[in-house]
């Protein structure tokens, strides 16, 4: 039972986003911070989900590259922050990195789902 629930959450990480949005509304988090709170909790599940999808489609574990992407993003945002601002704000850089990482993982998740479905249709047709 627990394995099925965990598998469902890994396959559909946006369920976690919806649950976090509902819970933050019940708790009383302000509407301006509600989506950011949900995104912050959903991002790790998206990372695992993208890694599992890549493994399912191509039978390779590329989790190192998925995790390395966040490091590269942090370095790039740190350089930009240092060049633009006089004072370096670490928390702001990490938050920007995490939110952009969420967007990249969302795009990768949708793309991988499309590729996986297309490959299964092609395999079924043959």
Protein backbone atom coordinates (compact mmCIF):
# COMPACT_ATOMS: atom_id res chain seq x y z
CA UNK A 1 0.00 0.00 0.00
CA UNK A 2 2.71 2.46 1.01
CA UNK A 3 4.76 1.44 -2.01
CA UNK A 4 1.82 2.22 -4.31
CA UNK A 5 1.31 5.64 -2.76
CA UNK A 6 5.02 6.46 -3.02
CA UNK A 7 5.10 5.24 -6.62
CA UNK A 8 2.11 7.41 -7.46
CA UNK A 9 3.73 10.46 -5.90
CA UNK A 10 6.91 9.85 -7.85
CA UNK A 11 5.01 9.40 -11.09
CA UNK A 12 2.77 12.40 -10.52
CA UNK A 13 4.73 14.94 -8.45
CA UNK A 14 2.18 17.62 -9.21
CA UNK A 15 -0.14 15.91 -6.76
CA UNK A 16 2.31 17.07 -4.10
CA UNK A 17 2.08 20.60 -5.50
CA UNK A 18 -1.72 20.54 -5.22
CA UNK A 19 -1.64 19.05 -1.72
CA UNK A 20 0.87 21.69 -0.59
CA UNK A 21 -1.29 24.45 -2.05
CA UNK A 22 -4.37 23.15 -0.23
CA UNK A 23 -2.49 22.62 3.05
CA UNK A 24 -0.90 26.06 2.94
CA UNK A 25 -4.33 27.58 2.40
CA UNK A 26 -5.68 25.64 5.40
CA UNK A 27 -2.72 26.64 7.56
CA UNK A 28 -3.16 30.29 6.64
CA UNK A 29 -0.08 31.04 4.57
CA UNK A 30 -0.52 34.32 2.72
CA UNK A 31 -1.61 33.98 -0.92
CA UNK A 32 1.57 35.65 -2.18
CA UNK A 33 3.78 33.00 -0.51
CA UNK A 34 1.52 29.99 -1.04
CA UNK A 35 2.73 28.96 -4.50
CA UNK A 36 6.40 29.47 -3.60
CA UNK A 37 5.94 27.22 -0.57
CA UNK A 38 4.35 24.52 -2.73
CA UNK A 39 7.06 24.81 -5.41
CA UNK A 40 9.82 24.49 -2.82
CA UNK A 41 8.36 21.21 -1.52
CA UNK A 42 7.59 19.79 -4.97
CA UNK A 43 11.03 20.34 -6.55
CA UNK A 44 12.85 17.37 -4.90
CA UNK A 45 10.06 15.02 -5.93
CA UNK A 46 10.25 16.36 -9.48
CA UNK A 47 14.00 15.68 -9.51
CA UNK A 48 13.49 12.08 -8.47
CA UNK A 49 10.62 11.70 -10.92
CA UNK A 50 12.67 13.01 -13.86
CA UNK A 51 15.51 10.66 -12.94
CA UNK A 52 13.14 7.68 -12.78
CA UNK A 53 11.53 8.64 -16.11
CA UNK A 54 14.95 8.85 -17.78
CA UNK A 55 15.81 5.42 -16.38
CA UNK A 56 12.48 3.99 -17.52
CA UNK A 57 12.78 5.32 -21.07
CA UNK A 58 16.48 4.79 -21.80
CA UNK A 59 17.53 2.35 -19.05
CA UNK A 60 20.31 4.63 -17.78
CA UNK A 61 20.71 6.28 -14.41
CA UNK A 62 21.50 9.93 -15.13
CA UNK A 63 20.66 11.31 -11.69
CA UNK A 64 24.14 12.80 -11.46
CA UNK A 65 23.34 15.09 -14.39
CA UNK A 66 19.96 16.03 -12.98
CA UNK A 67 21.57 16.96 -9.65
CA UNK A 68 24.54 18.61 -11.36
CA UNK A 69 22.19 20.95 -13.18
CA UNK A 70 21.20 22.62 -9.93
CA UNK A 71 24.88 23.18 -9.09
CA UNK A 72 25.54 24.77 -12.48
CA UNK A 73 22.46 26.98 -12.08
CA UNK A 74 23.65 28.08 -8.64
CA UNK A 75 27.07 28.98 -10.02
CA UNK A 76 25.55 30.96 -12.90
CA UNK A 77 23.14 32.84 -10.64
CA UNK A 78 25.95 33.55 -8.18
CA UNK A 79 28.07 35.09 -10.93
CA UNK A 80 25.18 37.21 -12.18
CA UNK A 81 24.28 38.31 -8.64
CA UNK A 82 27.87 39.23 -7.88
CA UNK A 83 28.22 41.26 -11.07
CA UNK A 84 24.92 43.11 -10.67
CA UNK A 85 24.70 43.77 -6.96
CA UNK A 86 27.14 45.34 -4.58
CA UNK A 87 26.08 43.05 -1.75
CA UNK A 88 25.89 39.31 -2.38
CA UNK A 89 22.66 37.81 -1.02
CA UNK A 90 23.04 34.05 -0.71
CA UNK A 91 19.43 33.31 0.20
CA UNK A 92 18.15 35.20 -2.85
CA UNK A 93 20.52 33.30 -5.15
CA UNK A 94 19.49 29.93 -3.70
CA UNK A 95 15.80 30.76 -3.99
CA UNK A 96 16.18 31.86 -7.62
CA UNK A 97 18.16 28.72 -8.37
CA UNK A 98 15.56 26.46 -6.76
CA UNK A 99 12.65 28.12 -8.59
CA UNK A 100 14.37 28.00 -11.99
CA UNK A 101 15.30 24.39 -11.28
CA UNK A 102 11.59 23.72 -10.68
CA UNK A 103 10.76 25.23 -14.08
CA UNK A 104 13.46 23.19 -15.82
CA UNK A 105 12.36 19.99 -14.13
CA UNK A 106 8.74 20.69 -15.04
CA UNK A 107 9.68 21.13 -18.70
CA UNK A 108 11.83 17.99 -18.59
CA UNK A 109 9.03 16.03 -16.90
CA UNK A 110 6.47 17.02 -19.55
CA UNK A 111 8.94 16.35 -22.36
CA UNK A 112 9.91 12.95 -20.95
CA UNK A 113 6.27 11.95 -20.51
CA UNK A 114 5.62 12.85 -24.14
CA UNK A 115 8.69 10.95 -25.33
CA UNK A 116 7.82 7.92 -23.21
CA UNK A 117 4.25 7.80 -24.49
CA UNK A 118 5.38 8.26 -28.09
CA UNK A 119 7.96 5.47 -27.80
CA UNK A 120 5.40 3.13 -26.27
CA UNK A 121 2.94 3.86 -29.09
CA UNK A 122 5.66 3.22 -31.69
CA UNK A 123 6.68 0.00 -29.94
CA UNK A 124 3.05 -1.15 -29.73
CA UNK A 125 2.44 -0.36 -33.42
CA UNK A 126 5.38 -2.54 -34.48
